[in-house]
Amino acid sequence: VISSALTLGMYLKVIQTAFLGRTPEALEDVRDPPVSMLLPIVILTVLIIIFGILPALPIDSIIQPAVEAVKAQSNYISAVLP
């Protein structure tokens, strides 16, 4: 019981320091990221949502043809080697 209380106190101190402490001077003038940095995140987010709702879409259109190509050894070798 005592060790649990000490552990809780230690974690509360870490959380308070990390999230509720004052902002360092080096981070005072941090700005929002430009659109060029946000665009890939938005694209990946949309793809994750689409593939989460329609999981058959990437399986049928991307994964299954790739598996079939690898299963056919002669086609795979001719596609990989120049």
C-alpha atoms as a PDB file:
ATOM      1  CA  VAL A   1       0.000   0.000   0.000  1.00  0.00           C
ATOM      2  CA  ILE A   2       2.824   2.388   0.851  1.00  0.00           C
ATOM      3  CA  SER A   3       4.679   1.657  -2.377  1.00  0.00           C
ATOM      4  CA  SER A   4       1.474   2.228  -4.374  1.00  0.00           C
ATOM      5  CA  ALA A   5       0.995   5.607  -2.708  1.00  0.00           C
ATOM      6  CA  LEU A   6       4.617   6.569  -3.414  1.00  0.00           C
ATOM      7  CA  THR A   7       4.280   5.471  -7.028  1.00  0.00           C
ATOM      8  CA  LEU A   8       1.068   7.474  -7.426  1.00  0.00           C
ATOM      9  CA  GLY A   9       2.745  10.549  -5.969  1.00  0.00           C
ATOM     10  CA  MET A  10       5.720  10.143  -8.279  1.00  0.00           C
ATOM     11  CA  TYR A  11       3.526   9.787 -11.375  1.00  0.00           C
ATOM     12  CA  LEU A  12       1.403  12.769 -10.374  1.00  0.00           C
ATOM     13  CA  LYS A  13       4.563  14.876 -10.068  1.00  0.00           C
ATOM     14  CA  VAL A  14       5.740  13.748 -13.522  1.00  0.00           C
ATOM     15  CA  ILE A  15       2.354  14.501 -15.093  1.00  0.00           C
ATOM     16  CA  GLN A  16       2.190  17.891 -13.388  1.00  0.00           C
ATOM     17  CA  THR A  17       5.684  18.805 -14.565  1.00  0.00           C
ATOM     18  CA  ALA A  18       5.139  17.588 -18.132  1.00  0.00           C
ATOM     19  CA  PHE A  19       1.678  18.953 -18.806  1.00  0.00           C
ATOM     20  CA  LEU A  20       0.959  21.675 -16.271  1.00  0.00           C
ATOM     21  CA  GLY A  21       4.395  23.249 -15.834  1.00  0.00           C
ATOM     22  CA  ARG A  22       5.511  26.515 -17.370  1.00  0.00           C
ATOM     23  CA  THR A  23       6.529  26.643 -21.019  1.00  0.00           C
ATOM     24  CA  PRO A  24      10.300  26.776 -21.683  1.00  0.00           C
ATOM     25  CA  GLU A  25      11.603  29.968 -23.307  1.00  0.00           C
ATOM     26  CA  ALA A  26      12.746  28.063 -26.395  1.00  0.00           C
ATOM     27  CA  LEU A  27       9.133  27.070 -27.078  1.00  0.00           C
ATOM     28  CA  GLU A  28       7.507  30.463 -26.565  1.00  0.00           C
ATOM     29  CA  ASP A  29       7.410  31.385 -30.277  1.00  0.00           C
ATOM     30  CA  VAL A  30       6.213  28.050 -31.695  1.00  0.00           C
ATOM     31  CA  ARG A  31       3.793  28.514 -34.599  1.00  0.00           C
ATOM     32  CA  ASP A  32       1.240  26.255 -36.267  1.00  0.00           C
ATOM     33  CA  PRO A  33       2.704  23.993 -38.977  1.00  0.00           C
ATOM     34  CA  PRO A  34       2.310  25.048 -42.616  1.00  0.00           C
ATOM     35  CA  VAL A  35      -0.235  23.389 -44.892  1.00  0.00           C
ATOM     36  CA  SER A  36       2.529  21.403 -46.606  1.00  0.00           C
ATOM     37  CA  MET A  37       3.141  19.570 -43.323  1.00  0.00           C
ATOM     38  CA  LEU A  38      -0.545  19.060 -42.541  1.00  0.00           C
ATOM     39  CA  LEU A  39      -1.535  17.727 -45.964  1.00  0.00           C
ATOM     40  CA  PRO A  40       0.122  14.271 -45.611  1.00  0.00           C
ATOM     41  CA  ILE A  41      -1.481  13.829 -42.193  1.00  0.00           C
ATOM     42  CA  VAL A  42      -4.909  14.696 -43.583  1.00  0.00           C
ATOM     43  CA  ILE A  43      -4.451  12.317 -46.533  1.00  0.00           C
ATOM     44  CA  LEU A  44      -3.412   9.445 -44.265  1.00  0.00           C
ATOM     45  CA  THR A  45      -6.292  10.171 -41.896  1.00  0.00           C
ATOM     46  CA  VAL A  46      -8.817  10.043 -44.730  1.00  0.00           C
ATOM     47  CA  LEU A  47      -7.325   6.780 -46.044  1.00  0.00           C
ATOM     48  CA  ILE A  48      -7.396   5.202 -42.588  1.00  0.00           C
ATOM     49  CA  ILE A  49     -11.049   6.152 -42.144  1.00  0.00           C
ATOM     50  CA  ILE A  50     -11.984   4.850 -45.610  1.00  0.00           C
ATOM     51  CA  PHE A  51     -10.093   1.574 -45.130  1.00  0.00           C
ATOM     52  CA  GLY A  52     -11.593   1.197 -41.657  1.00  0.00           C
ATOM     53  CA  ILE A  53     -15.122   1.549 -43.009  1.00  0.00           C
ATOM     54  CA  LEU A  54     -14.501  -0.422 -46.225  1.00  0.00           C
ATOM     55  CA  PRO A  55     -11.748  -2.955 -45.423  1.00  0.00           C
ATOM     56  CA  ALA A  56     -12.449  -4.991 -48.556  1.00  0.00           C
ATOM     57  CA  LEU A  57     -11.430  -2.058 -50.759  1.00  0.00           C
ATOM     58  CA  PRO A  58      -7.643  -2.297 -50.222  1.00  0.00           C
ATOM     59  CA  ILE A  59      -7.741  -6.083 -49.929  1.00  0.00           C
ATOM     60  CA  ASP A  60      -9.501  -6.621 -53.249  1.00  0.00           C
ATOM     61  CA  SER A  61      -7.785  -3.865 -55.215  1.00  0.00           C
ATOM     62  CA  ILE A  62      -4.223  -3.852 -53.828  1.00  0.00           C
ATOM     63  CA  ILE A  63      -3.344  -6.782 -51.586  1.00  0.00           C
ATOM     64  CA  GLN A  64      -5.001  -9.648 -53.468  1.00  0.00           C
ATOM     65  CA  PRO A  65      -3.394  -8.810 -56.854  1.00  0.00           C
ATOM     66  CA  ALA A  66      -0.002  -8.517 -55.147  1.00  0.00           C
ATOM     67  CA  VAL A  67      -0.439 -11.911 -53.474  1.00  0.00           C
ATOM     68  CA  GLU A  68      -1.464 -13.489 -56.765  1.00  0.00           C
ATOM     69  CA  ALA A  69       1.586 -11.994 -58.497  1.00  0.00           C
ATOM     70  CA  VAL A  70       3.919 -13.378 -55.834  1.00  0.00           C
ATOM     71  CA  LYS A  71       2.241 -16.798 -55.947  1.00  0.00           C
ATOM     72  CA  ALA A  72       2.922 -17.062 -59.681  1.00  0.00           C
ATOM     73  CA  GLN A  73       6.708 -17.491 -59.437  1.00  0.00           C
ATOM     74  CA  SER A  74       7.476 -17.041 -63.126  1.00  0.00           C
ATOM     75  CA  ASN A  75       5.510 -13.800 -63.353  1.00  0.00           C
ATOM     76  CA  TYR A  76       7.139 -12.563 -60.157  1.00  0.00           C
ATOM     77  CA  ILE A  77      10.674 -13.297 -61.369  1.00  0.00           C
ATOM     78  CA  SER A  78      10.087 -11.642 -64.744  1.00  0.00           C
ATOM     79  CA  ALA A  79       8.602  -8.585 -63.023  1.00  0.00           C
ATOM     80  CA  VAL A  80      11.488  -8.223 -60.565  1.00  0.00           C
ATOM     81  CA  LEU A  81      14.467  -8.999 -62.776  1.00  0.00           C
ATOM     82  CA  PRO A  82      15.307  -6.638 -65.640  1.00  0.00           C
END
